[in-house]
Amino acid sequence: MKIDDIEWRDYCCGDACQYAEVKTSAGTLQIKTSHDAGDLSYLVRRYGLDNMSIDAGYLPMTEAQLSIALGA
C-alpha cells in the first residue's frame, strides 16, 4: 500500500488533521496527520497481528518512514 491509497477520515480539526487505520502484513497502523497542514510528518502507532500495541504511544514518522511501514 502507498500513502496515496490510504482512506483518511477527519480527526479533530478538519482537513489539516486526518486519521486512518491501515492493515499491513505485520499488523495494523493507526496514523494521524499533523494539526498543521504545512507539516508533512505523521504520528503512527503500530499494533501486531495479535492486536497488541507494539509502541507505548504514537511515534513521529516522515513520509519515507511511513512508506516503509506500509510496505510500499
PDB file of N, CA and C in Angstrom:
ATOM      1  N   MET A   1       0.843  -1.180   0.000  1.00  0.00           N
ATOM      2  CA  MET A   1       0.000   0.000   0.000  1.00  0.00           C
ATOM      3  C   MET A   1       0.887   1.240   0.000  1.00  0.00           C
ATOM      4  N   LYS A   2       0.400   2.268  -0.637  1.00  0.00           N
ATOM      5  CA  LYS A   2       1.112   3.551  -0.673  1.00  0.00           C
ATOM      6  C   LYS A   2       0.322   4.589   0.115  1.00  0.00           C
ATOM      7  N   ILE A   3       0.985   5.643   0.520  1.00  0.00           N
ATOM      8  CA  ILE A   3       0.337   6.704   1.293  1.00  0.00           C
ATOM      9  C   ILE A   3      -0.868   7.262   0.540  1.00  0.00           C
ATOM     10  N   ASP A   4      -0.759   7.402  -0.768  1.00  0.00           N
ATOM     11  CA  ASP A   4      -1.866   7.940  -1.570  1.00  0.00           C
ATOM     12  C   ASP A   4      -3.093   7.027  -1.565  1.00  0.00           C
ATOM     13  N   ASP A   5      -2.918   5.748  -1.206  1.00  0.00           N
ATOM     14  CA  ASP A   5      -4.023   4.787  -1.185  1.00  0.00           C
ATOM     15  C   ASP A   5      -4.791   4.786   0.142  1.00  0.00           C
ATOM     16  N   ILE A   6      -4.280   5.475   1.143  1.00  0.00           N
ATOM     17  CA  ILE A   6      -4.915   5.480   2.463  1.00  0.00           C
ATOM     18  C   ILE A   6      -6.236   6.232   2.404  1.00  0.00           C
ATOM     19  N   GLU A   7      -7.252   5.655   3.029  1.00  0.00           N
ATOM     20  CA  GLU A   7      -8.560   6.311   3.136  1.00  0.00           C
ATOM     21  C   GLU A   7      -8.590   7.072   4.454  1.00  0.00           C
ATOM     22  N   TRP A   8      -8.441   8.384   4.364  1.00  0.00           N
ATOM     23  CA  TRP A   8      -8.357   9.245   5.546  1.00  0.00           C
ATOM     24  C   TRP A   8      -9.732   9.651   6.024  1.00  0.00           C
ATOM     25  N   ARG A   9      -9.859   9.846   7.324  1.00  0.00           N
ATOM     26  CA  ARG A   9     -11.074  10.384   7.941  1.00  0.00           C
ATOM     27  C   ARG A   9     -10.701  11.635   8.719  1.00  0.00           C
ATOM     28  N   ASP A  10     -11.619  12.591   8.784  1.00  0.00           N
ATOM     29  CA  ASP A  10     -11.381  13.778   9.604  1.00  0.00           C
ATOM     30  C   ASP A  10     -11.194  13.331  11.041  1.00  0.00           C
ATOM     31  N   TYR A  11     -10.217  13.930  11.708  1.00  0.00           N
ATOM     32  CA  TYR A  11      -9.908  13.501  13.063  1.00  0.00           C
ATOM     33  C   TYR A  11     -10.438  14.487  14.100  1.00  0.00           C
ATOM     34  N   CYS A  12      -9.910  15.706  14.110  1.00  0.00           N
ATOM     35  CA  CYS A  12     -10.364  16.633  15.149  1.00  0.00           C
ATOM     36  C   CYS A  12     -10.576  18.056  14.646  1.00  0.00           C
ATOM     37  N   CYS A  13      -9.851  18.444  13.630  1.00  0.00           N
ATOM     38  CA  CYS A  13      -9.976  19.848  13.215  1.00  0.00           C
ATOM     39  C   CYS A  13     -10.019  19.999  11.696  1.00  0.00           C
ATOM     40  N   GLY A  14     -10.696  19.093  11.029  1.00  0.00           N
ATOM     41  CA  GLY A  14     -10.909  19.232   9.596  1.00  0.00           C
ATOM     42  C   GLY A  14      -9.781  18.694   8.744  1.00  0.00           C
ATOM     43  N   ASP A  15      -9.612  19.295   7.584  1.00  0.00           N
ATOM     44  CA  ASP A  15      -8.673  18.796   6.577  1.00  0.00           C
ATOM     45  C   ASP A  15      -7.230  18.702   7.058  1.00  0.00           C
ATOM     46  N   ALA A  16      -6.843  19.571   7.989  1.00  0.00           N
ATOM     47  CA  ALA A  16      -5.451  19.576   8.429  1.00  0.00           C
ATOM     48  C   ALA A  16      -5.134  18.410   9.353  1.00  0.00           C
ATOM     49  N   CYS A  17      -6.134  17.765   9.882  1.00  0.00           N
ATOM     50  CA  CYS A  17      -5.917  16.683  10.837  1.00  0.00           C
ATOM     51  C   CYS A  17      -6.743  15.476  10.410  1.00  0.00           C
ATOM     52  N   GLN A  18      -6.058  14.457   9.926  1.00  0.00           N
ATOM     53  CA  GLN A  18      -6.724  13.267   9.404  1.00  0.00           C
ATOM     54  C   GLN A  18      -6.279  12.039  10.184  1.00  0.00           C
ATOM     55  N   TYR A  19      -7.088  10.976  10.136  1.00  0.00           N
ATOM     56  CA  TYR A  19      -6.822   9.742  10.858  1.00  0.00           C
ATOM     57  C   TYR A  19      -7.120   8.560   9.946  1.00  0.00           C
ATOM     58  N   ALA A  20      -6.348   7.492  10.097  1.00  0.00           N
ATOM     59  CA  ALA A  20      -6.618   6.268   9.342  1.00  0.00           C
ATOM     60  C   ALA A  20      -6.107   5.061  10.112  1.00  0.00           C
ATOM     61  N   GLU A  21      -6.751   3.932   9.870  1.00  0.00           N
ATOM     62  CA  GLU A  21      -6.249   2.643  10.342  1.00  0.00           C
ATOM     63  C   GLU A  21      -5.987   1.804   9.107  1.00  0.00           C
ATOM     64  N   VAL A  22      -4.786   1.238   9.034  1.00  0.00           N
ATOM     65  CA  VAL A  22      -4.367   0.500   7.847  1.00  0.00           C
ATOM     66  C   VAL A  22      -3.844  -0.870   8.269  1.00  0.00           C
ATOM     67  N   LYS A  23      -4.358  -1.914   7.635  1.00  0.00           N
ATOM     68  CA  LYS A  23      -3.861  -3.274   7.870  1.00  0.00           C
ATOM     69  C   LYS A  23      -2.621  -3.497   7.005  1.00  0.00           C
ATOM     70  N   THR A  24      -1.599  -4.094   7.605  1.00  0.00           N
ATOM     71  CA  THR A  24      -0.388  -4.450   6.876  1.00  0.00           C
ATOM     72  C   THR A  24      -0.096  -5.927   7.137  1.00  0.00           C
ATOM     73  N   SER A  25       0.925  -6.446   6.507  1.00  0.00           N
ATOM     74  CA  SER A  25       1.290  -7.849   6.727  1.00  0.00           C
ATOM     75  C   SER A  25       1.819  -8.074   8.143  1.00  0.00           C
ATOM     76  N   ALA A  26       2.241  -7.008   8.820  1.00  0.00           N
ATOM     77  CA  ALA A  26       2.780  -7.115  10.178  1.00  0.00           C
ATOM     78  C   ALA A  26       1.759  -6.764  11.257  1.00  0.00           C
ATOM     79  N   GLY A  27       0.580  -6.293  10.867  1.00  0.00           N
ATOM     80  CA  GLY A  27      -0.428  -5.904  11.844  1.00  0.00           C
ATOM     81  C   GLY A  27      -1.238  -4.716  11.366  1.00  0.00           C
ATOM     82  N   THR A  28      -1.462  -3.763  12.263  1.00  0.00           N
ATOM     83  CA  THR A  28      -2.271  -2.587  11.969  1.00  0.00           C
ATOM     84  C   THR A  28      -1.506  -1.321  12.334  1.00  0.00           C
ATOM     85  N   LEU A  29      -1.673  -0.292  11.513  1.00  0.00           N
ATOM     86  CA  LEU A  29      -1.107   1.019  11.810  1.00  0.00           C
ATOM     87  C   LEU A  29      -2.244   1.996  12.052  1.00  0.00           C
ATOM     88  N   GLN A  30      -2.170   2.739  13.147  1.00  0.00           N
ATOM     89  CA  GLN A  30      -3.055   3.879  13.366  1.00  0.00           C
ATOM     90  C   GLN A  30      -2.234   5.098  13.002  1.00  0.00           C
ATOM     91  N   ILE A  31      -2.739   5.914  12.088  1.00  0.00           N
ATOM     92  CA  ILE A  31      -1.963   7.029  11.546  1.00  0.00           C
ATOM     93  C   ILE A  31      -2.740   8.326  11.716  1.00  0.00           C
ATOM     94  N   LYS A  32      -2.062   9.350  12.200  1.00  0.00           N
ATOM     95  CA  LYS A  32      -2.638  10.690  12.303  1.00  0.00           C
ATOM     96  C   LYS A  32      -1.733  11.659  11.557  1.00  0.00           C
ATOM     97  N   THR A  33      -2.342  12.614  10.891  1.00  0.00           N
ATOM     98  CA  THR A  33      -1.560  13.690  10.290  1.00  0.00           C
ATOM     99  C   THR A  33      -1.438  14.819  11.309  1.00  0.00           C
ATOM    100  N   SER A  34      -0.606  15.772  11.005  1.00  0.00           N
ATOM    101  CA  SER A  34      -0.372  16.908  11.889  1.00  0.00           C
ATOM    102  C   SER A  34      -1.558  17.860  11.906  1.00  0.00           C
ATOM    103  N   HIS A  35      -1.672  18.628  12.974  1.00  0.00           N
ATOM    104  CA  HIS A  35      -2.684  19.688  13.045  1.00  0.00           C
ATOM    105  C   HIS A  35      -2.346  20.825  12.077  1.00  0.00           C
ATOM    106  N   ASP A  36      -1.085  20.938  11.705  1.00  0.00           N
ATOM    107  CA  ASP A  36      -0.603  21.990  10.810  1.00  0.00           C
ATOM    108  C   ASP A  36      -0.560  21.446   9.389  1.00  0.00           C
ATOM    109  N   ALA A  37      -1.363  21.993   8.501  1.00  0.00           N
ATOM    110  CA  ALA A  37      -1.443  21.499   7.120  1.00  0.00           C
ATOM    111  C   ALA A  37      -0.096  21.540   6.402  1.00  0.00           C
ATOM    112  N   GLY A  38       0.806  22.414   6.817  1.00  0.00           N
ATOM    113  CA  GLY A  38       2.121  22.505   6.181  1.00  0.00           C
ATOM    114  C   GLY A  38       3.115  21.475   6.689  1.00  0.00           C
ATOM    115  N   ASP A  39       2.775  20.779   7.771  1.00  0.00           N
ATOM    116  CA  ASP A  39       3.657  19.772   8.365  1.00  0.00           C
ATOM    117  C   ASP A  39       3.366  18.429   7.699  1.00  0.00           C
ATOM    118  N   LEU A  40       4.353  17.858   7.032  1.00  0.00           N
ATOM    119  CA  LEU A  40       4.152  16.616   6.295  1.00  0.00           C
ATOM    120  C   LEU A  40       4.498  15.369   7.103  1.00  0.00           C
ATOM    121  N   SER A  41       4.702  15.514   8.411  1.00  0.00           N
ATOM    122  CA  SER A  41       5.021  14.349   9.222  1.00  0.00           C
ATOM    123  C   SER A  41       3.742  13.653   9.679  1.00  0.00           C
ATOM    124  N   TYR A  42       3.905  12.456  10.193  1.00  0.00           N
ATOM    125  CA  TYR A  42       2.784  11.640  10.633  1.00  0.00           C
ATOM    126  C   TYR A  42       3.055  11.149  12.047  1.00  0.00           C
ATOM    127  N   LEU A  43       1.999  10.841  12.783  1.00  0.00           N
ATOM    128  CA  LEU A  43       2.098  10.163  14.067  1.00  0.00           C
ATOM    129  C   LEU A  43       1.514   8.774  13.854  1.00  0.00           C
ATOM    130  N   VAL A  44       2.303   7.749  14.195  1.00  0.00           N
ATOM    131  CA  VAL A  44       1.915   6.378  13.887  1.00  0.00           C
ATOM    132  C   VAL A  44       2.023   5.511  15.137  1.00  0.00           C
ATOM    133  N   ARG A  45       0.994   4.717  15.366  1.00  0.00           N
ATOM    134  CA  ARG A  45       1.028   3.718  16.432  1.00  0.00           C
ATOM    135  C   ARG A  45       0.864   2.360  15.784  1.00  0.00           C
ATOM    136  N   ARG A  46       1.768   1.441  16.122  1.00  0.00           N
ATOM    137  CA  ARG A  46       1.783   0.122  15.489  1.00  0.00           C
ATOM    138  C   ARG A  46       1.196  -0.947  16.414  1.00  0.00           C
ATOM    139  N   TYR A  47       0.438  -1.849  15.803  1.00  0.00           N
ATOM    140  CA  TYR A  47      -0.127  -2.997  16.503  1.00  0.00           C
ATOM    141  C   TYR A  47       0.279  -4.257  15.759  1.00  0.00           C
ATOM    142  N   GLY A  48       0.566  -5.337  16.494  1.00  0.00           N
ATOM    143  CA  GLY A  48       0.938  -6.599  15.885  1.00  0.00           C
ATOM    144  C   GLY A  48      -0.275  -7.349  15.358  1.00  0.00           C
ATOM    145  N   LEU A  49      -0.032  -8.502  14.792  1.00  0.00           N
ATOM    146  CA  LEU A  49      -1.110  -9.328  14.247  1.00  0.00           C
ATOM    147  C   LEU A  49      -2.085  -9.769  15.337  1.00  0.00           C
ATOM    148  N   ASP A  50      -1.615  -9.777  16.600  1.00  0.00           N
ATOM    149  CA  ASP A  50      -2.460 -10.149  17.736  1.00  0.00           C
ATOM    150  C   ASP A  50      -3.225  -8.947  18.298  1.00  0.00           C
ATOM    151  N   ASN A  51      -3.150  -7.806  17.601  1.00  0.00           N
ATOM    152  CA  ASN A  51      -3.791  -6.549  18.005  1.00  0.00           C
ATOM    153  C   ASN A  51      -3.228  -5.954  19.292  1.00  0.00           C
ATOM    154  N   MET A  52      -2.096  -6.439  19.737  1.00  0.00           N
ATOM    155  CA  MET A  52      -1.425  -5.873  20.907  1.00  0.00           C
ATOM    156  C   MET A  52      -0.524  -4.727  20.439  1.00  0.00           C
ATOM    157  N   SER A  53      -0.525  -3.646  21.191  1.00  0.00           N
ATOM    158  CA  SER A  53       0.264  -2.475  20.834  1.00  0.00           C
ATOM    159  C   SER A  53       1.761  -2.796  20.875  1.00  0.00           C
ATOM    160  N   ILE A  54       2.455  -2.414  19.832  1.00  0.00           N
ATOM    161  CA  ILE A  54       3.908  -2.566  19.780  1.00  0.00           C
ATOM    162  C   ILE A  54       4.576  -1.353  20.429  1.00  0.00           C
ATOM    163  N   ASP A  55       3.950  -0.200  20.272  1.00  0.00           N
ATOM    164  CA  ASP A  55       4.502   1.064  20.781  1.00  0.00           C
ATOM    165  C   ASP A  55       3.680   1.550  21.970  1.00  0.00           C
ATOM    166  N   ALA A  56       4.354   2.216  22.910  1.00  0.00           N
ATOM    167  CA  ALA A  56       3.659   2.770  24.073  1.00  0.00           C
ATOM    168  C   ALA A  56       2.761   3.945  23.678  1.00  0.00           C
ATOM    169  N   GLY A  57       3.090   4.598  22.593  1.00  0.00           N
ATOM    170  CA  GLY A  57       2.316   5.741  22.119  1.00  0.00           C
ATOM    171  C   GLY A  57       2.557   5.937  20.644  1.00  0.00           C
ATOM    172  N   TYR A  58       2.147   7.083  20.151  1.00  0.00           N
ATOM    173  CA  TYR A  58       2.351   7.404  18.734  1.00  0.00           C
ATOM    174  C   TYR A  58       3.790   7.812  18.492  1.00  0.00           C
ATOM    175  N   LEU A  59       4.373   7.327  17.409  1.00  0.00           N
ATOM    176  CA  LEU A  59       5.740   7.660  17.013  1.00  0.00           C
ATOM    177  C   LEU A  59       5.705   8.645  15.854  1.00  0.00           C
ATOM    178  N   PRO A  60       6.524   9.694  15.899  1.00  0.00           N
ATOM    179  CA  PRO A  60       6.602  10.586  14.737  1.00  0.00           C
ATOM    180  C   PRO A  60       7.317   9.874  13.591  1.00  0.00           C
ATOM    181  N   MET A  61       6.782  10.011  12.389  1.00  0.00           N
ATOM    182  CA  MET A  61       7.399   9.411  11.200  1.00  0.00           C
ATOM    183  C   MET A  61       7.353  10.392  10.044  1.00  0.00           C
ATOM    184  N   THR A  62       8.385  10.337   9.231  1.00  0.00           N
ATOM    185  CA  THR A  62       8.404  11.104   7.994  1.00  0.00           C
ATOM    186  C   THR A  62       7.614  10.318   6.944  1.00  0.00           C
ATOM    187  N   GLU A  63       7.388  10.927   5.809  1.00  0.00           N
ATOM    188  CA  GLU A  63       6.704  10.256   4.719  1.00  0.00           C
ATOM    189  C   GLU A  63       7.459   9.011   4.290  1.00  0.00           C
ATOM    190  N   ALA A  64       8.782   9.091   4.227  1.00  0.00           N
ATOM    191  CA  ALA A  64       9.602   7.951   3.833  1.00  0.00           C
ATOM    192  C   ALA A  64       9.493   6.810   4.849  1.00  0.00           C
ATOM    193  N   GLN A  65       9.508   7.133   6.138  1.00  0.00           N
ATOM    194  CA  GLN A  65       9.380   6.115   7.180  1.00  0.00           C
ATOM    195  C   GLN A  65       8.004   5.451   7.134  1.00  0.00           C
ATOM    196  N   LEU A  66       6.971   6.248   6.908  1.00  0.00           N
ATOM    197  CA  LEU A  66       5.620   5.686   6.818  1.00  0.00           C
ATOM    198  C   LEU A  66       5.505   4.780   5.606  1.00  0.00           C
ATOM    199  N   SER A  67       6.098   5.154   4.499  1.00  0.00           N
ATOM    200  CA  SER A  67       6.068   4.316   3.292  1.00  0.00           C
ATOM    201  C   SER A  67       6.688   2.959   3.581  1.00  0.00           C
ATOM    202  N   ILE A  68       7.777   2.944   4.331  1.00  0.00           N
ATOM    203  CA  ILE A  68       8.426   1.680   4.699  1.00  0.00           C
ATOM    204  C   ILE A  68       7.499   0.866   5.603  1.00  0.00           C
ATOM    205  N   ALA A  69       6.885   1.520   6.578  1.00  0.00           N
ATOM    206  CA  ALA A  69       5.969   0.824   7.499  1.00  0.00           C
ATOM    207  C   ALA A  69       4.771   0.236   6.758  1.00  0.00           C
ATOM    208  N   LEU A  70       4.330   0.905   5.703  1.00  0.00           N
ATOM    209  CA  LEU A  70       3.208   0.422   4.904  1.00  0.00           C
ATOM    210  C   LEU A  70       3.604  -0.704   3.964  1.00  0.00           C
ATOM    211  N   GLY A  71       4.906  -0.896   3.815  1.00  0.00           N
ATOM    212  CA  GLY A  71       5.394  -1.943   2.917  1.00  0.00           C
ATOM    213  C   GLY A  71       5.396  -1.509   1.465  1.00  0.00           C
ATOM    214  N   ALA A  72       5.385  -0.197   1.230  1.00  0.00           N
ATOM    215  CA  ALA A  72       5.349   0.336  -0.143  1.00  0.00           C
ATOM    216  C   ALA A  72       6.698   0.216  -0.807  1.00  0.00           C
TER     217      ALA A  72
END
